Every structure is written in C-alpha cells, then in structure tokens.
Amino acid sequence: MNKTLKIFLILTAAGLYLTAGGQPYDRIERRNFWNAGRNVNGLRTDSVSISYAQLRGSYAAGGLRDTYMAPEGWSAEAVAKTILHLKKFSMNGAFSFENFSGKDMCGSMSGRPGYYPVDVLEFTPGKKTRQTYHFDGGITADIGGNWRIGGKVCFTSENYTKRKDLRHTDYLLGMTVVPGLMFHEGDFAVGACYIFSKSSETITAEVLGISSGSYYAFLDKGLMYGVYDIWDSQGTHLSETGVSGFPAREISHGAAVQVQWKDLYAEAEYLRSSGDMGEKQSIWYRFPTDAVTARIGYAAGDGDTRHYIRMEAAWKDRSNFESVMESNTEDGVTITTVYGQNRILRQRDLRLAPEYEITAPGWEFRAGAEFGFLQEQTSQIYPYLFYRETFTGEGFVSGMVKAGRFDIRGRLSFRQGTSSESGGIADTEIPLPDRPARLEDWNGMHMEYLTAPRTSAGLSLRFNFRKGLYAEISGEYTRGFRLEFLPGADRWGTAAMIGCTF
C-alpha cells in the first residue's frame, strides 16, 4: 500500500451519524442538498474540503424508555469523516466504531428492533453489549465537459450479545451500493442512480446454566400478537431442526433521479425489497416492500448568511406472508412440505419532515418537525382481525452561538401522538379457535413510549483550541406526561467528546 493510499484511507474515515460535536463539518455537509440524497456526483457542486475525527463517551438512564432499551447504558465511539475535492474528482468517506453496554436489558433479541415485521422477545433482564462498525466511501469524477460519473458503497456490521440465560447473539450485516451519473450545464444539473442494498441478521439463543424452570420467548408477528412458548419450542423458531438460529434477509433494488436548478433541488427515489425469514426449505415468512421517498430543498441569501428550506416525505407499504408448512425428520433428514401462505400483516407508513435553517458566521438556527402516520392490520389466526392506527408528531428548535472560543448549542423539542385499535371476527360458521397470544403490558409500554407527550431539552458547550482541536460536553433531559405503563417519566443523558476538525 503506497503512502498516498494510506493518507486517503485516513482522511476518508467518518461516522455514521453526527453528534453535536462536528458543527463546522455538519454545516458544510448540510449546505449541499445532494449530500442528503443518493447520488454521490452531487459532491462536485461544492468545493470546500473538510474533515473531522472524534472520540465520544456517553451515558443514558431513566424509565422513559421502550421495552428493548436499557435502564442504564454506556457507549464509547470513535468517529471520523471527510469531504475532499481535487481538480478532476471528489471523494467522501466515513468510518466509525461504537461499543455499547446496557444494564438489566431484555425484550427484543434483534439489534434493530422493529426493522423486520417479525421479532423475538425474551424476558430475563441482564447485561447486553453491542459493537457496531460502519464504513462508507464515495468517489465522483468529471468525464467530458458536462458529465460526471461516480459511486458509493456503505457497509455496516454489528454484534449484539447477552451473556445471561436466556442468552443470545445477533449478527448483523448490511451493504448498499449506489452507482450514478450526472449531467450539468450552467445552473442546471440532473442525475440518476441505481440502488442495491442487502442486509442479513441471524439470532441464536441458548441456555448454559442450570435452572429449575423453563425460559420463555415470544414471537411477535405484529401488533404484539404472536406465540408465547418455551424458547426452544417449534412455535418460536429459535431451535428448529435444519435451521441455524433465526435468520432474516432482505434484498432491495431501486433507482433515484435528481434535478437542480440554481438553488432549488429535488429528488425522487423508489425501492422494491424482498425479504424472508428462515433457511433452505424452511422459509417461515416472506415480506415484500415498496418504498418511495421524495426530498426537496431550497437555499437563499447573500454572502455568509444563508437560509435553507428542506422537506422529506417517505411512504412504505409492507406485507408479511406466513408459510403453511409441515416438517418431518426421518433418519436425520428433514423434509419440509409447503402447502401455501397467508398474509398475516400489512403495514402502510407515511412520514413527513419539513425543516428551516439559517446560518451566519457566528450563529445558526434550525426549526423543524416530523409527522408519522402508520396503519397496521394483522390476521394471524382466522377469523380474528386486528387493526391499529398510530399518529406521531414532533417539533424542535435548535441553535448555536459562538462566544470567543466557545460554541454554545441548545435544543428544545416536544413530541406527542395518538393510537387507536380495533378488532373483529370475520363471518364464519366454523368453531372459533383460541385468539393469538398477546403481551398486553408490553404492548402498552411500547405504544406509550411512541405516543406519550414529552418535552426534551439539550445543551452542549464546546471549547475550541488551536489548530482545529476541541473538547465538548453535552447533556439532555426528557420528561414524559400522562404515563401509565412506562417504569418512569424521565430520561437523561450526558456525553463528553474530544476531536479535531481539519
């Protein structure tokens, strides 16, 4: 590996998400609307190169938490990120590593609770740890007078483990590849790109200790209805002959187009995903998904003071089909017969996120909101039907002001939602079977966490040393109201960071 390549790899390391630290980098990245989209060729519409590297430690605790969250959690993270412009090409890159440790955790065994339409829950509180690695890199180059070509690759790996019975390990891998083109002429630019994404996750569970009782698990098939049984029973799918653990996969193909004229930018994206859970002959669930995302941005202002208006809208339609199958094992060989499939869940999700921002040399201000509308229908055992509609809304204001070598940043937000459920029985003359099992208290906690009114306040203080070095501390407090199921009304967190912008 030559010296130039080594320098490039160091500079192109960056974090998956931005904290309050990285304010100069954040401003440079956000002012270019293309950076929030899919097409890496939009890097060439800007010309400022900037990088930062940061170490961060944080702590969070409190009872205002979802069923899978930790009563107390610690994390340490190393982050670096860069945007680099040269004469004929531009690059960006990212690398981050985070180590998380949570106390008295239970609930979802997945590293991404809610990402898949089926989840597995366990009920013995214990310590959980998670290590997350992320890398992405993109490059774009001019070809000819008006064309640009480029591509971007993102990779994520995660290990999520619990070392107390019922102990489990979750291995997660995700990769996205996005090649693209751009044509530009004066103040006009148009781009297009292809999107390929693949993710996989495998949960394995085991019991190593000696216990007088049995450990139970819950297979959530939607709306917290499902199967509650001993963890290694056939109904939970955690220990089935011929299948390694509880595997899930999803592959997505899609495309996006972008248009920019002067300071007005728009992008439209479509993704078609195909996912399944199971292995080889034993595919228990299949879940196709259609997703559409639109982004619009407009910038105005002269000199160093700039105004930005952004809007993102996302719509997703997902169905989950459960296979009707039978497995027989003879002489160590398992034969699976599939008779058909039933749609047991449908989800339709719409999210809107408008935002306004103004930046100036010594200060900045942002105000925005996010609205979510979710419709869900589940029918796991005929003739029972269950429906749920959920609305959530959140608004926030944040700002930063410079005072000498200090950067002072604050944020206020308010969130509230509503949820309604209904159910019915289809007309039938057959004897009614038992209703599917439901964790009523856990469902109450989860929905209350999503919809309960709450206010949050955050404050951070950064001191800027010479040559781009900085140190920062931050804190956040959230207070919930009108709570019934959650174990507490408060949640708080603090973080300390050191880093360098260059």
Protein backbone atom coordinates (compact mmCIF):
# COMPACT_ATOMS: atom_id res chain seq x y z
CA MET A 1 0.00 0.00 0.00
CA ASN A 2 1.62 3.30 -1.07
CA LYS A 3 1.76 6.45 1.02
CA THR A 4 -0.92 8.30 -0.97
CA LEU A 5 -3.45 5.49 -0.49
CA LYS A 6 -2.73 5.38 3.25
CA ILE A 7 -3.36 9.11 3.55
CA PHE A 8 -6.61 8.77 1.60
CA LEU A 9 -7.90 5.96 3.83
CA ILE A 10 -7.16 8.00 6.94
CA LEU A 11 -8.89 11.07 5.57
CA THR A 12 -11.96 9.18 4.34
CA ALA A 13 -12.85 7.73 7.75
CA ALA A 14 -16.10 9.07 9.13
CA GLY A 15 -19.03 8.44 11.48
CA LEU A 16 -22.44 7.08 10.53
CA TYR A 17 -24.19 9.83 12.39
CA LEU A 18 -23.26 13.30 13.55
CA THR A 19 -23.34 14.41 17.15
CA ALA A 20 -23.44 17.95 18.44
CA GLY A 21 -19.67 17.91 18.08
CA GLY A 22 -18.66 18.27 14.36
CA GLN A 23 -20.55 21.56 13.96
CA PRO A 24 -18.25 23.04 11.27
CA TYR A 25 -18.33 19.79 9.30
CA ASP A 26 -22.08 19.47 9.76
CA ARG A 27 -22.65 22.93 8.32
CA ILE A 28 -20.54 22.24 5.24
CA GLU A 29 -22.22 18.90 4.62
CA ARG A 30 -25.76 20.14 5.12
CA ARG A 31 -25.50 23.17 2.85
CA ASN A 32 -25.21 20.87 -0.19
CA PHE A 33 -28.63 19.24 -0.70
CA TRP A 34 -27.09 16.43 -2.77
CA ASN A 35 -25.32 15.09 0.34
CA ALA A 36 -28.68 14.10 1.86
CA GLY A 37 -29.60 12.12 -1.24
CA ARG A 38 -28.32 9.06 -3.06
CA ASN A 39 -26.18 10.45 -5.88
CA VAL A 40 -22.55 10.95 -4.87
CA ASN A 41 -21.90 13.02 -8.01
CA GLY A 42 -23.52 15.94 -6.22
CA LEU A 43 -20.30 16.37 -4.24
CA ARG A 44 -18.87 18.26 -7.22
CA THR A 45 -21.48 21.02 -6.86
CA ASP A 46 -19.48 22.25 -3.83
CA SER A 47 -15.76 22.95 -3.48
CA VAL A 48 -14.94 23.05 0.26
CA SER A 49 -12.83 20.20 1.65
CA ILE A 50 -13.17 19.42 5.35
CA SER A 51 -12.61 16.50 7.73
CA TYR A 52 -13.00 15.72 11.39
CA ALA A 53 -12.16 12.95 13.84
CA GLN A 54 -13.73 12.50 17.26
CA LEU A 55 -13.80 10.31 20.36
CA ARG A 56 -17.04 10.24 22.32
CA GLY A 57 -18.22 8.68 25.56
CA SER A 58 -21.85 8.83 26.71
CA TYR A 59 -24.23 7.65 29.42
CA ALA A 60 -28.05 7.47 29.41
CA ALA A 61 -30.55 6.34 32.06
CA GLY A 62 -34.18 6.65 33.10
CA GLY A 63 -37.55 5.00 32.94
CA LEU A 64 -38.89 6.80 29.86
CA ARG A 65 -37.79 4.02 27.50
CA ASP A 66 -39.10 1.40 25.11
CA THR A 67 -39.29 -2.28 26.02
CA TYR A 68 -35.92 -3.11 24.43
CA MET A 69 -33.97 -0.12 25.82
CA ALA A 70 -31.58 -0.20 28.76
CA PRO A 71 -32.43 1.30 32.17
CA GLU A 72 -28.77 2.38 32.15
CA GLY A 73 -26.45 2.38 29.17
CA TRP A 74 -22.88 3.40 28.37
CA SER A 75 -21.22 3.80 25.00
CA ALA A 76 -17.81 4.72 23.59
CA GLU A 77 -17.33 5.71 19.98
CA ALA A 78 -14.59 6.66 17.56
CA VAL A 79 -15.73 8.67 14.53
CA ALA A 80 -14.03 10.31 11.57
CA LYS A 81 -15.40 11.81 8.39
CA THR A 82 -14.14 13.67 5.33
CA ILE A 83 -15.10 15.51 2.15
CA LEU A 84 -12.20 16.02 -0.24
CA HIS A 85 -12.22 17.96 -3.53
CA LEU A 86 -9.42 17.75 -6.10
CA LYS A 87 -9.12 19.17 -9.61
CA LYS A 88 -10.88 16.39 -11.52
CA PHE A 89 -12.62 14.35 -8.85
CA SER A 90 -14.09 14.48 -5.34
CA MET A 91 -14.36 11.91 -2.55
CA ASN A 92 -16.15 11.44 0.72
CA GLY A 93 -15.77 8.69 3.28
CA ALA A 94 -16.74 7.50 6.70
CA PHE A 95 -15.64 5.15 9.43
CA SER A 96 -16.98 4.63 12.94
CA PHE A 97 -16.82 2.09 15.73
CA GLU A 98 -19.18 2.11 18.72
CA ASN A 99 -19.20 -0.13 21.77
CA PHE A 100 -22.42 -0.11 23.82
CA SER A 101 -23.16 -1.79 27.15
CA GLY A 102 -26.61 -1.81 28.76
CA LYS A 103 -27.72 -2.93 32.21
CA ASP A 104 -30.79 -5.09 33.01
CA MET A 105 -31.92 -5.35 29.40
CA CYS A 106 -34.48 -7.73 27.94
CA GLY A 107 -37.11 -7.57 25.21
CA SER A 108 -36.12 -7.79 21.56
CA MET A 109 -33.21 -10.06 20.65
CA SER A 110 -32.68 -8.11 17.42
CA GLY A 111 -30.04 -5.43 17.01
CA ARG A 112 -32.64 -3.40 15.05
CA PRO A 113 -35.97 -3.78 16.88
CA GLY A 114 -38.88 -3.07 14.54
CA TYR A 115 -36.87 -3.25 11.33
CA TYR A 116 -38.30 -6.64 10.35
CA PRO A 117 -42.03 -7.47 10.56
CA VAL A 118 -41.38 -10.36 12.99
CA ASP A 119 -39.40 -10.07 16.22
CA VAL A 120 -38.35 -12.38 19.07
CA LEU A 121 -38.57 -11.23 22.71
CA GLU A 122 -37.04 -12.68 25.88
CA PHE A 123 -37.79 -11.81 29.50
CA THR A 124 -34.75 -12.28 31.79
CA PRO A 125 -33.06 -8.91 32.50
CA GLY A 126 -29.30 -8.94 32.04
CA LYS A 127 -26.34 -7.11 30.57
CA LYS A 128 -26.23 -6.69 26.80
CA THR A 129 -23.35 -5.45 24.68
CA ARG A 130 -23.25 -4.25 21.09
CA GLN A 131 -20.32 -3.49 18.79
CA THR A 132 -21.12 -1.60 15.60
CA TYR A 133 -18.72 -0.98 12.71
CA HIS A 134 -19.58 1.29 9.81
CA PHE A 135 -17.72 2.28 6.68
CA ASP A 136 -18.78 4.18 3.60
CA GLY A 137 -16.89 5.75 0.76
CA GLY A 138 -17.80 7.54 -2.44
CA ILE A 139 -15.95 8.98 -5.41
CA THR A 140 -17.08 11.09 -8.36
CA ALA A 141 -15.13 12.31 -11.38
CA ASP A 142 -15.67 14.62 -14.34
CA ILE A 143 -15.82 12.88 -17.73
CA GLY A 144 -16.02 15.24 -20.64
CA GLY A 145 -17.28 18.76 -20.28
CA ASN A 146 -20.77 18.17 -18.83
CA TRP A 147 -20.84 14.65 -17.39
CA ARG A 148 -19.88 13.14 -14.06
CA ILE A 149 -19.76 9.51 -13.02
CA GLY A 150 -19.33 8.03 -9.57
CA GLY A 151 -20.45 5.57 -6.97
CA LYS A 152 -20.78 4.99 -3.26
CA VAL A 153 -20.51 1.92 -1.02
CA CYS A 154 -21.80 1.64 2.56
CA PHE A 155 -21.09 -1.30 4.87
CA THR A 156 -22.32 -1.98 8.41
CA SER A 157 -21.51 -4.86 10.75
CA GLU A 158 -22.89 -5.42 14.24
CA ASN A 159 -22.63 -7.96 17.07
CA TYR A 160 -25.31 -7.83 19.77
CA THR A 161 -24.97 -10.26 22.69
CA LYS A 162 -26.39 -11.18 26.06
CA ARG A 163 -24.45 -13.48 28.42
CA LYS A 164 -27.22 -14.41 30.83
CA ASP A 165 -29.80 -17.17 30.25
CA LEU A 166 -31.76 -16.95 28.09
CA ARG A 167 -28.56 -15.78 26.37
CA HIS A 168 -28.48 -14.84 22.72
CA THR A 169 -26.25 -13.42 20.00
CA ASP A 170 -27.32 -11.39 16.98
CA TYR A 171 -25.05 -10.98 13.95
CA LEU A 172 -25.97 -8.22 11.51
CA LEU A 173 -24.50 -7.29 8.13
CA GLY A 174 -25.65 -4.60 5.73
CA MET A 175 -24.30 -3.31 2.43
CA THR A 176 -25.50 -0.68 -0.05
CA VAL A 177 -24.01 0.09 -3.47
CA VAL A 178 -25.13 3.15 -5.45
CA PRO A 179 -23.53 3.91 -8.85
CA GLY A 180 -24.73 7.08 -10.57
CA LEU A 181 -24.43 9.64 -13.37
CA MET A 182 -24.90 13.40 -13.59
CA PHE A 183 -25.31 15.86 -16.46
CA HIS A 184 -24.75 19.56 -15.72
CA GLU A 185 -24.95 22.71 -17.80
CA GLY A 186 -24.61 26.11 -16.13
CA ASP A 187 -27.11 26.40 -13.26
CA PHE A 188 -28.87 23.17 -14.25
CA ALA A 189 -27.99 19.62 -13.21
CA VAL A 190 -29.80 16.30 -13.50
CA GLY A 191 -28.70 12.95 -12.10
CA ALA A 192 -29.77 9.33 -11.87
CA CYS A 193 -28.52 6.36 -9.88
CA TYR A 194 -29.20 2.69 -9.28
CA ILE A 195 -29.58 1.42 -5.69
CA PHE A 196 -28.72 -2.07 -4.48
CA SER A 197 -28.95 -2.98 -0.82
CA LYS A 198 -28.59 -6.25 1.05
CA SER A 199 -28.94 -6.93 4.77
CA SER A 200 -28.92 -10.07 6.87
CA GLU A 201 -29.39 -10.82 10.54
CA THR A 202 -29.18 -14.07 12.49
CA ILE A 203 -30.30 -14.57 16.09
CA THR A 204 -29.00 -17.60 18.00
CA ALA A 205 -30.18 -18.47 21.52
CA GLU A 206 -29.02 -20.97 24.11
CA VAL A 207 -29.22 -21.89 27.81
CA LEU A 208 -25.97 -22.89 29.55
CA GLY A 209 -26.90 -22.61 33.21
CA ILE A 210 -29.00 -24.94 35.38
CA SER A 211 -32.49 -23.74 36.26
CA SER A 212 -35.47 -25.34 37.97
CA GLY A 213 -37.83 -23.68 35.49
CA SER A 214 -38.04 -23.08 31.76
CA TYR A 215 -37.18 -19.94 29.84
CA TYR A 216 -39.89 -18.50 27.63
CA ALA A 217 -39.78 -16.41 24.48
CA PHE A 218 -42.39 -14.51 22.49
CA LEU A 219 -42.60 -14.44 18.70
CA ASP A 220 -44.15 -11.08 17.81
CA LYS A 221 -45.90 -11.37 14.43
CA GLY A 222 -47.41 -7.90 14.53
CA LEU A 223 -49.16 -5.55 16.99
CA MET A 224 -47.63 -7.64 19.81
CA TYR A 225 -49.75 -10.66 18.84
CA GLY A 226 -47.96 -13.95 18.32
CA VAL A 227 -46.69 -17.09 20.03
CA TYR A 228 -45.67 -17.28 23.69
CA ASP A 229 -43.93 -20.57 24.48
CA ILE A 230 -40.81 -22.25 25.84
CA TRP A 231 -37.90 -20.71 23.95
CA ASP A 232 -36.82 -23.88 22.10
CA SER A 233 -40.32 -24.93 21.05
CA GLN A 234 -41.23 -25.08 17.37
CA GLY A 235 -43.51 -22.06 17.65
CA THR A 236 -40.69 -19.59 18.37
CA HIS A 237 -38.42 -20.89 15.54
CA LEU A 238 -35.31 -20.38 17.71
CA SER A 239 -34.33 -24.04 17.75
CA GLU A 240 -35.58 -25.89 14.67
CA THR A 241 -34.01 -28.91 13.03
CA GLY A 242 -32.16 -27.99 9.85
CA VAL A 243 -32.13 -24.24 10.54
CA SER A 244 -29.25 -22.30 12.13
CA GLY A 245 -30.79 -19.87 14.60
CA PHE A 246 -33.41 -17.35 13.46
CA PRO A 247 -32.11 -15.94 10.15
CA ALA A 248 -33.56 -12.96 8.27
CA ARG A 249 -32.54 -11.43 4.94
CA GLU A 250 -33.64 -8.56 2.73
CA ILE A 251 -32.52 -7.51 -0.75
CA SER A 252 -33.54 -4.18 -2.29
CA HIS A 253 -33.31 -2.80 -5.82
CA GLY A 254 -34.27 0.71 -6.79
CA ALA A 255 -33.48 3.94 -8.56
CA ALA A 256 -33.40 7.64 -7.84
CA VAL A 257 -33.43 10.76 -10.01
CA GLN A 258 -32.27 14.24 -9.01
CA VAL A 259 -32.79 17.69 -10.53
CA GLN A 260 -31.22 21.00 -9.51
CA TRP A 261 -31.76 24.45 -10.95
CA LYS A 262 -29.77 27.19 -9.24
CA ASP A 263 -30.65 26.87 -5.52
CA LEU A 264 -33.67 24.59 -5.97
CA TYR A 265 -33.14 20.82 -5.59
CA ALA A 266 -35.49 17.83 -5.85
CA GLU A 267 -35.04 14.06 -5.67
CA ALA A 268 -37.39 11.09 -6.05
CA GLU A 269 -36.47 7.53 -5.05
CA TYR A 270 -38.18 4.15 -5.37
CA LEU A 271 -37.12 0.88 -3.71
CA ARG A 272 -38.55 -2.61 -4.13
CA SER A 273 -37.46 -5.02 -1.40
CA SER A 274 -37.84 -8.75 -0.99
CA GLY A 275 -37.22 -10.29 2.42
CA ASP A 276 -37.61 -13.63 4.11
CA MET A 277 -37.04 -15.38 7.43
CA GLY A 278 -35.91 -18.96 7.65
CA GLU A 279 -33.40 -21.10 5.81
CA LYS A 280 -33.21 -23.54 2.89
CA GLN A 281 -36.57 -25.36 2.67
CA SER A 282 -37.91 -23.80 5.87
CA ILE A 283 -38.83 -20.24 4.87
CA TRP A 284 -41.32 -19.21 7.54
CA TYR A 285 -42.06 -15.65 6.38
CA ARG A 286 -41.75 -13.60 3.20
CA PHE A 287 -42.18 -9.82 3.29
CA PRO A 288 -42.13 -7.74 0.07
CA THR A 289 -41.91 -3.96 0.49
CA ASP A 290 -42.44 -0.93 -1.73
CA ALA A 291 -40.94 2.38 -0.62
CA VAL A 292 -41.00 5.87 -2.17
CA THR A 293 -39.02 8.85 -0.87
CA ALA A 294 -39.03 12.46 -2.08
CA ARG A 295 -36.67 15.25 -1.00
CA ILE A 296 -36.90 18.96 -1.81
CA GLY A 297 -34.51 21.74 -0.83
CA TYR A 298 -34.22 25.46 -1.48
CA ALA A 299 -31.45 27.86 -0.46
CA ALA A 300 -31.44 31.66 -0.47
CA GLY A 301 -29.37 34.52 0.86
CA ASP A 302 -26.28 36.52 0.04
CA GLY A 303 -22.78 36.42 1.47
CA ASP A 304 -22.21 34.39 4.63
CA THR A 305 -25.85 34.39 5.77
CA ARG A 306 -27.85 31.63 4.13
CA HIS A 307 -31.42 30.33 4.51
CA TYR A 308 -32.36 26.71 3.82
CA ILE A 309 -35.76 25.06 3.48
CA ARG A 310 -35.89 21.26 3.36
CA MET A 311 -38.72 18.78 3.04
CA GLU A 312 -38.61 14.98 3.04
CA ALA A 313 -41.58 12.66 2.52
CA ALA A 314 -41.36 8.87 2.75
CA TRP A 315 -44.04 6.25 2.10
CA LYS A 316 -43.70 2.50 2.68
CA ASP A 317 -46.07 -0.41 2.06
CA ARG A 318 -45.07 -3.80 3.50
CA SER A 319 -46.86 -7.14 3.71
CA ASN A 320 -45.78 -10.25 5.59
CA PHE A 321 -46.80 -13.72 4.39
CA GLU A 322 -46.53 -16.74 6.68
CA SER A 323 -45.88 -20.12 5.07
CA VAL A 324 -48.20 -23.03 5.80
CA MET A 325 -45.78 -25.93 6.05
CA GLU A 326 -45.06 -29.25 7.66
CA SER A 327 -41.64 -30.71 8.51
CA ASN A 328 -40.86 -34.39 9.07
CA THR A 329 -37.49 -35.80 10.09
CA GLU A 330 -36.53 -39.37 9.23
CA ASP A 331 -33.07 -40.88 9.68
CA GLY A 332 -31.63 -37.43 10.35
CA VAL A 333 -33.08 -35.93 7.16
CA THR A 334 -35.72 -33.18 7.45
CA ILE A 335 -38.27 -32.91 4.63
CA THR A 336 -40.42 -29.77 4.53
CA THR A 337 -43.69 -29.61 2.62
CA VAL A 338 -45.13 -26.14 1.88
CA TYR A 339 -48.90 -26.03 1.33
CA GLY A 340 -49.30 -22.29 0.77
CA GLN A 341 -49.07 -18.97 2.56
CA ASN A 342 -51.29 -16.47 4.38
CA ARG A 343 -50.84 -12.73 4.67
CA ILE A 344 -50.68 -12.11 8.42
CA LEU A 345 -49.60 -8.46 8.45
CA ARG A 346 -49.81 -5.32 6.35
CA GLN A 347 -48.17 -2.01 7.25
CA ARG A 348 -48.54 1.33 5.49
CA ASP A 349 -46.31 4.12 6.76
CA LEU A 350 -46.12 7.80 5.76
CA ARG A 351 -43.60 10.25 7.21
CA LEU A 352 -43.18 13.99 6.56
CA ALA A 353 -40.26 16.10 7.80
CA PRO A 354 -40.15 19.84 6.98
CA GLU A 355 -37.26 21.99 8.22
CA TYR A 356 -35.94 25.56 8.13
CA GLU A 357 -32.35 26.61 8.82
CA ILE A 358 -30.40 29.86 8.83
CA THR A 359 -26.61 30.00 9.15
CA ALA A 360 -24.36 33.00 9.76
CA PRO A 361 -20.66 33.37 10.68
CA GLY A 362 -21.25 33.46 14.44
CA TRP A 363 -24.52 31.61 14.88
CA GLU A 364 -27.11 29.29 13.37
CA PHE A 365 -30.74 28.39 13.98
CA ARG A 366 -32.92 25.42 12.95
CA ALA A 367 -36.60 24.63 13.35
CA GLY A 368 -38.37 21.57 12.09
CA ALA A 369 -40.97 18.89 12.60
CA GLU A 370 -41.62 15.25 11.82
CA PHE A 371 -45.04 13.66 11.39
CA GLY A 372 -45.70 9.93 11.15
CA PHE A 373 -48.86 8.07 10.10
CA LEU A 374 -48.86 4.27 10.47
CA GLN A 375 -51.68 1.85 9.61
CA GLU A 376 -51.33 -1.82 10.59
CA GLN A 377 -53.56 -4.84 10.08
CA THR A 378 -52.86 -8.34 11.34
CA SER A 379 -54.73 -11.61 10.93
CA GLN A 380 -52.65 -14.47 12.29
CA ILE A 381 -55.43 -16.92 13.15
CA TYR A 382 -58.62 -16.97 11.10
CA PRO A 383 -61.17 -15.44 11.64
CA TYR A 384 -59.60 -12.83 14.00
CA LEU A 385 -58.67 -9.41 12.54
CA PHE A 386 -56.91 -6.59 14.41
CA TYR A 387 -56.25 -3.02 13.30
CA ARG A 388 -54.17 -0.16 14.64
CA GLU A 389 -53.63 3.42 13.52
CA THR A 390 -50.82 5.50 15.02
CA PHE A 391 -50.01 9.18 14.59
CA THR A 392 -46.91 10.86 16.00
CA GLY A 393 -45.78 14.45 15.73
CA GLU A 394 -42.62 16.15 16.92
CA GLY A 395 -41.37 19.71 16.64
CA PHE A 396 -37.97 21.11 17.55
CA VAL A 397 -35.87 24.26 17.60
CA SER A 398 -32.11 24.33 17.96
CA GLY A 399 -29.41 26.92 17.76
CA MET A 400 -25.71 27.58 18.13
CA VAL A 401 -23.88 30.77 19.03
CA LYS A 402 -20.15 31.46 19.24
CA ALA A 403 -18.73 33.30 22.26
CA GLY A 404 -14.99 33.70 21.88
CA ARG A 405 -13.54 30.19 21.74
CA PHE A 406 -16.78 28.64 22.97
CA ASP A 407 -19.61 27.20 20.88
CA ILE A 408 -22.87 27.02 22.82
CA ARG A 409 -25.60 24.84 21.34
CA GLY A 410 -29.13 24.25 22.64
CA ARG A 411 -32.16 22.26 21.55
CA LEU A 412 -35.81 22.09 22.63
CA SER A 413 -38.41 19.64 21.34
CA PHE A 414 -41.93 18.44 22.01
CA ARG A 415 -43.46 15.14 20.90
CA GLN A 416 -46.96 13.68 21.14
CA GLY A 417 -49.03 11.06 19.40
CA THR A 418 -52.27 9.12 19.35
CA SER A 419 -53.11 5.48 18.78
CA SER A 420 -56.37 3.61 18.26
CA GLU A 421 -57.03 -0.11 17.99
CA SER A 422 -59.99 -2.15 16.82
CA GLY A 423 -60.69 -5.78 16.14
CA GLY A 424 -63.28 -8.06 14.70
CA ILE A 425 -64.21 -11.57 13.69
CA ALA A 426 -64.92 -12.48 10.09
CA ASP A 427 -68.24 -14.14 9.31
CA THR A 428 -67.75 -17.86 9.64
CA GLU A 429 -69.62 -20.96 10.71
CA ILE A 430 -66.58 -22.85 11.96
CA PRO A 431 -65.91 -23.13 15.71
CA LEU A 432 -63.78 -20.24 16.90
CA PRO A 433 -60.17 -21.18 17.72
CA ASP A 434 -58.22 -19.54 20.54
CA ARG A 435 -57.13 -15.97 19.92
CA PRO A 436 -53.41 -15.42 19.30
CA ALA A 437 -51.39 -14.66 22.42
CA ARG A 438 -50.67 -11.04 23.22
CA LEU A 439 -48.34 -9.28 25.66
CA GLU A 440 -50.76 -6.57 26.76
CA ASP A 441 -48.43 -4.83 29.22
CA TRP A 442 -45.52 -4.86 26.80
CA ASN A 443 -47.74 -3.51 24.05
CA GLY A 444 -48.91 -0.79 26.41
CA MET A 445 -45.31 0.20 27.21
CA HIS A 446 -44.29 0.25 23.55
CA MET A 447 -47.23 2.34 22.36
CA GLU A 448 -46.98 4.70 25.32
CA TYR A 449 -43.32 5.29 24.54
CA LEU A 450 -44.24 6.16 20.94
CA THR A 451 -47.22 8.40 21.65
CA ALA A 452 -46.97 9.85 25.19
CA PRO A 453 -46.48 13.63 25.31
CA ARG A 454 -42.97 14.69 26.30
CA THR A 455 -40.57 17.59 26.21
CA SER A 456 -36.81 17.40 25.73
CA ALA A 457 -34.05 19.93 26.34
CA GLY A 458 -30.39 19.61 25.43
CA LEU A 459 -27.33 21.80 25.92
CA SER A 460 -23.73 21.43 24.78
CA LEU A 461 -20.62 23.50 25.37
CA ARG A 462 -17.55 23.23 23.15
CA PHE A 463 -14.16 24.84 23.68
CA ASN A 464 -12.08 25.33 20.55
CA PHE A 465 -8.34 25.01 20.98
CA ARG A 466 -5.83 25.95 18.33
CA LYS A 467 -5.43 24.14 15.01
CA GLY A 468 -8.95 22.69 14.99
CA LEU A 469 -8.77 20.79 18.29
CA TYR A 470 -11.85 20.91 20.51
CA ALA A 471 -13.38 19.45 23.66
CA GLU A 472 -17.09 19.30 24.34
CA ILE A 473 -19.59 18.24 26.97
CA SER A 474 -23.33 17.88 26.48
CA GLY A 475 -26.44 16.88 28.37
CA GLU A 476 -30.06 16.10 27.56
CA TYR A 477 -33.18 15.68 29.68
CA THR A 478 -36.61 14.35 28.63
CA ARG A 479 -39.81 14.45 30.69
CA GLY A 480 -42.94 12.49 29.80
CA PHE A 481 -46.52 13.18 30.88
CA ARG A 482 -49.74 11.21 31.42
CA LEU A 483 -47.93 7.87 31.71
CA GLU A 484 -49.48 4.57 32.76
CA PHE A 485 -47.26 1.69 31.59
CA LEU A 486 -43.70 3.04 31.44
CA PRO A 487 -41.47 2.50 34.51
CA GLY A 488 -40.59 6.19 34.81
CA ALA A 489 -41.32 9.66 33.48
CA ASP A 490 -37.73 10.84 32.95
CA ARG A 491 -34.71 10.03 30.85
CA TRP A 492 -31.41 11.85 30.86
CA GLY A 493 -28.04 11.54 29.22
CA THR A 494 -24.62 13.12 29.12
CA ALA A 495 -21.64 12.91 26.80
CA ALA A 496 -18.03 14.07 26.57
CA MET A 497 -16.13 14.49 23.31
CA ILE A 498 -12.68 15.41 22.08
CA GLY A 499 -11.85 15.85 18.44
CA CYS A 500 -10.21 17.75 15.65
CA THR A 501 -11.57 19.47 12.55
CA PHE A 502 -9.12 19.85 9.70
